[in-house]
Amino acid sequence: MTDTVWISSTTFPDTGKAACLLTWGNNQVLITPETTLATARDLTTAAAAAETDIALIRSLREDIKADDAVLAGMLTAVRTRRPMPTATRPALRIDAVAGANTGKPYVHIARGSLKAQLTPDGAREMAGHWTEAAVAAQIDVRLRYVLTGHPQLTPGDVDEIFQQLQSVHR
């Protein structure tokens, strides 16, 4: 991996609405919880697709004795028939990859010039973190709203509470 990809809950500074902070290398971007969940969905989908592609390749090679040209044609046909997600666009470019020579499934992720390769289990683990961040962002906004309603808590107190919460999560 180029650098570690981090996702954490936060808020949009201008609106106070729920957001997730995507950090990859020196790049940071705020994204909505909906985009975060779409990315988690696509990571999980790509992991399953990569594993299915490998199973298809093995079956075509071992059971049918198909050559590489037939393999490529079949894999292309199967991939074009897969349903494409139609909801929110993900924050990352995500592709299922079947290593025809290695026999291993991978999930490629990218954003801008940053690229990384994950195992299917790694992609599913990442999807779990992204889902947690999206849910936490929604909960954090509600909690922040409730806490700011208590006059004995200053905005600095509320920020300190959230800093403590984030440090416990890491």
Protein backbone atom coordinates (compact mmCIF):
# COMPACT_ATOMS: atom_id res chain seq x y z
CA MET A 1 0.00 0.00 0.00
CA THR A 2 1.27 3.48 -0.81
CA ASP A 3 0.34 4.71 2.66
CA THR A 4 -2.26 3.77 5.17
CA VAL A 5 -5.81 4.78 4.32
CA TRP A 6 -7.65 6.21 7.32
CA ILE A 7 -11.32 7.07 7.71
CA SER A 8 -12.71 8.82 10.76
CA SER A 9 -15.87 10.58 11.82
CA THR A 10 -16.00 14.35 11.94
CA THR A 11 -18.26 17.18 10.82
CA PHE A 12 -18.29 19.58 7.91
CA PRO A 13 -16.88 22.79 9.43
CA ASP A 14 -19.23 25.10 7.54
CA THR A 15 -22.50 23.24 8.28
CA GLY A 16 -21.81 21.05 11.31
CA LYS A 17 -23.34 18.11 9.47
CA ALA A 18 -21.93 14.60 9.74
CA ALA A 19 -18.83 13.91 7.67
CA CYS A 20 -16.00 11.43 7.41
CA LEU A 21 -12.39 12.43 6.99
CA LEU A 22 -10.55 10.30 4.43
CA THR A 23 -6.79 10.49 4.91
CA TRP A 24 -4.43 8.76 2.49
CA GLY A 25 -0.82 9.79 2.57
CA ASN A 26 -0.74 13.59 2.60
CA ASN A 27 -4.21 13.85 1.05
CA GLN A 28 -7.28 14.57 3.12
CA VAL A 29 -10.86 15.02 1.99
CA LEU A 30 -14.19 15.31 3.76
CA ILE A 31 -16.89 13.01 2.44
CA THR A 32 -20.48 12.37 3.40
CA PRO A 33 -21.53 9.33 5.41
CA GLU A 34 -23.50 8.22 2.32
CA THR A 35 -20.32 8.25 0.20
CA THR A 36 -18.50 6.43 2.99
CA LEU A 37 -21.15 3.69 3.07
CA ALA A 38 -21.11 3.43 -0.74
CA THR A 39 -17.35 2.89 -0.59
CA ALA A 40 -17.79 0.18 2.06
CA ARG A 41 -20.44 -1.51 -0.11
CA ASP A 42 -18.18 -1.46 -3.16
CA LEU A 43 -15.18 -2.79 -1.22
CA THR A 44 -17.24 -5.76 -0.06
CA THR A 45 -18.70 -6.31 -3.53
CA ALA A 46 -15.25 -6.20 -5.14
CA ALA A 47 -13.86 -8.70 -2.63
CA ALA A 48 -16.61 -11.20 -3.47
CA ALA A 49 -16.25 -10.56 -7.21
CA ALA A 50 -12.48 -11.13 -7.14
CA GLU A 51 -12.93 -14.43 -5.32
CA THR A 52 -15.67 -15.50 -7.72
CA ASP A 53 -13.49 -14.62 -10.70
CA ILE A 54 -10.68 -16.80 -9.37
CA ALA A 55 -13.11 -19.69 -8.85
CA LEU A 56 -14.38 -19.24 -12.42
CA ILE A 57 -10.83 -19.18 -13.83
CA ARG A 58 -9.88 -22.33 -11.92
CA SER A 59 -13.04 -24.13 -13.01
CA LEU A 60 -12.58 -23.18 -16.67
CA ARG A 61 -8.92 -24.22 -16.61
CA GLU A 62 -9.20 -27.42 -14.60
CA ASP A 63 -12.68 -28.73 -15.41
CA ILE A 64 -13.19 -27.56 -18.98
CA LYS A 65 -9.52 -27.27 -19.99
CA ALA A 66 -10.22 -23.85 -21.53
CA ASP A 67 -7.33 -21.92 -23.02
CA ASP A 68 -6.48 -18.34 -22.04
CA ALA A 69 -8.46 -16.81 -24.92
CA VAL A 70 -11.64 -18.59 -23.83
CA LEU A 71 -10.90 -17.69 -20.22
CA ALA A 72 -10.56 -14.02 -21.06
CA GLY A 73 -13.77 -14.04 -23.10
CA MET A 74 -15.77 -15.77 -20.39
CA LEU A 75 -14.44 -13.52 -17.65
CA THR A 76 -15.23 -10.42 -19.68
CA ALA A 77 -18.76 -11.68 -20.37
CA VAL A 78 -19.38 -12.45 -16.70
CA ARG A 79 -18.05 -9.06 -15.57
CA THR A 80 -20.24 -7.15 -18.02
CA ARG A 81 -23.31 -8.94 -16.68
CA ARG A 82 -22.62 -8.06 -13.05
CA PRO A 83 -25.01 -5.45 -11.71
CA MET A 84 -23.38 -2.10 -11.17
CA PRO A 85 -24.18 -0.14 -8.02
CA THR A 86 -26.50 2.72 -8.91
CA ALA A 87 -26.56 4.65 -5.63
CA THR A 88 -23.99 7.11 -4.36
CA ARG A 89 -20.55 7.11 -5.98
CA PRO A 90 -17.78 5.77 -3.76
CA ALA A 91 -14.84 7.87 -2.57
CA LEU A 92 -12.35 5.45 -4.14
CA ARG A 93 -11.98 3.76 -7.49
CA ILE A 94 -12.43 0.10 -6.65
CA ASP A 95 -11.77 -2.85 -8.96
CA ALA A 96 -11.97 -6.60 -8.48
CA VAL A 97 -8.87 -8.26 -9.89
CA ALA A 98 -8.26 -11.92 -10.56
CA GLY A 99 -4.58 -12.69 -10.81
CA ALA A 100 -4.74 -15.18 -13.67
CA ASN A 101 -1.06 -16.08 -13.27
CA THR A 102 -0.95 -16.07 -9.47
CA GLY A 103 -4.41 -17.57 -8.97
CA LYS A 104 -5.11 -15.02 -6.24
CA PRO A 105 -7.95 -12.52 -5.93
CA TYR A 106 -7.21 -8.85 -5.22
CA VAL A 107 -9.06 -5.61 -4.80
CA HIS A 108 -7.39 -2.56 -6.29
CA ILE A 109 -8.24 0.82 -4.79
CA ALA A 110 -7.22 4.25 -6.01
CA ARG A 111 -7.92 7.92 -5.50
CA GLY A 112 -6.16 10.41 -7.72
CA SER A 113 -2.60 9.14 -8.17
CA LEU A 114 -2.68 7.00 -5.01
CA LYS A 115 -3.12 3.27 -5.55
CA ALA A 116 -3.10 0.16 -3.40
CA GLN A 117 -3.84 -3.54 -3.64
CA LEU A 118 -5.79 -5.41 -0.95
CA THR A 119 -6.65 -9.01 -0.34
CA PRO A 120 -10.39 -9.71 -0.29
CA ASP A 121 -10.23 -10.06 3.51
CA GLY A 122 -8.35 -6.77 3.72
CA ALA A 123 -11.02 -5.10 1.59
CA ARG A 124 -13.77 -6.49 3.82
CA GLU A 125 -11.91 -5.30 6.92
CA MET A 126 -11.54 -1.85 5.38
CA ALA A 127 -15.27 -1.86 4.56
CA GLY A 128 -16.01 -2.54 8.21
CA HIS A 129 -13.96 0.47 9.29
CA TRP A 130 -15.69 2.67 6.72
CA THR A 131 -19.11 1.52 7.90
CA GLU A 132 -18.16 2.24 11.53
CA ALA A 133 -16.94 5.73 10.59
CA ALA A 134 -20.16 6.56 8.73
CA VAL A 135 -22.32 5.42 11.64
CA ALA A 136 -20.09 7.20 14.17
CA ALA A 137 -20.31 10.44 12.17
CA GLN A 138 -24.11 10.37 12.37
CA ILE A 139 -24.08 9.57 16.10
CA ASP A 140 -21.40 12.17 16.83
CA VAL A 141 -23.46 14.97 15.29
CA ARG A 142 -26.43 14.06 17.47
CA LEU A 143 -24.28 13.77 20.58
CA ARG A 144 -22.59 17.10 19.86
CA TYR A 145 -26.05 18.70 19.48
CA VAL A 146 -27.18 17.31 22.85
CA LEU A 147 -23.97 18.35 24.62
CA THR A 148 -24.09 21.91 23.29
CA GLY A 149 -27.55 22.20 24.87
CA HIS A 150 -25.99 22.02 28.34
CA PRO A 151 -25.01 25.55 29.41
CA GLN A 152 -22.34 24.30 31.83
CA LEU A 153 -20.37 22.87 28.86
CA THR A 154 -18.41 25.32 26.76
CA PRO A 155 -17.69 24.65 23.07
CA GLY A 156 -14.13 23.86 24.20
CA ASP A 157 -15.47 21.28 26.65
CA VAL A 158 -17.49 19.62 23.88
CA ASP A 159 -14.46 19.56 21.58
CA GLU A 160 -12.37 18.02 24.37
CA ILE A 161 -14.97 15.29 24.90
CA PHE A 162 -14.79 14.42 21.20
CA GLN A 163 -11.00 14.45 21.20
CA GLN A 164 -11.06 11.99 24.08
CA LEU A 165 -13.60 9.80 22.30
CA GLN A 166 -11.47 9.73 19.16
CA SER A 167 -8.30 8.89 21.09
CA VAL A 168 -10.06 5.94 22.76
CA HIS A 169 -11.20 4.61 19.36
CA ARG A 170 -7.69 4.47 17.89
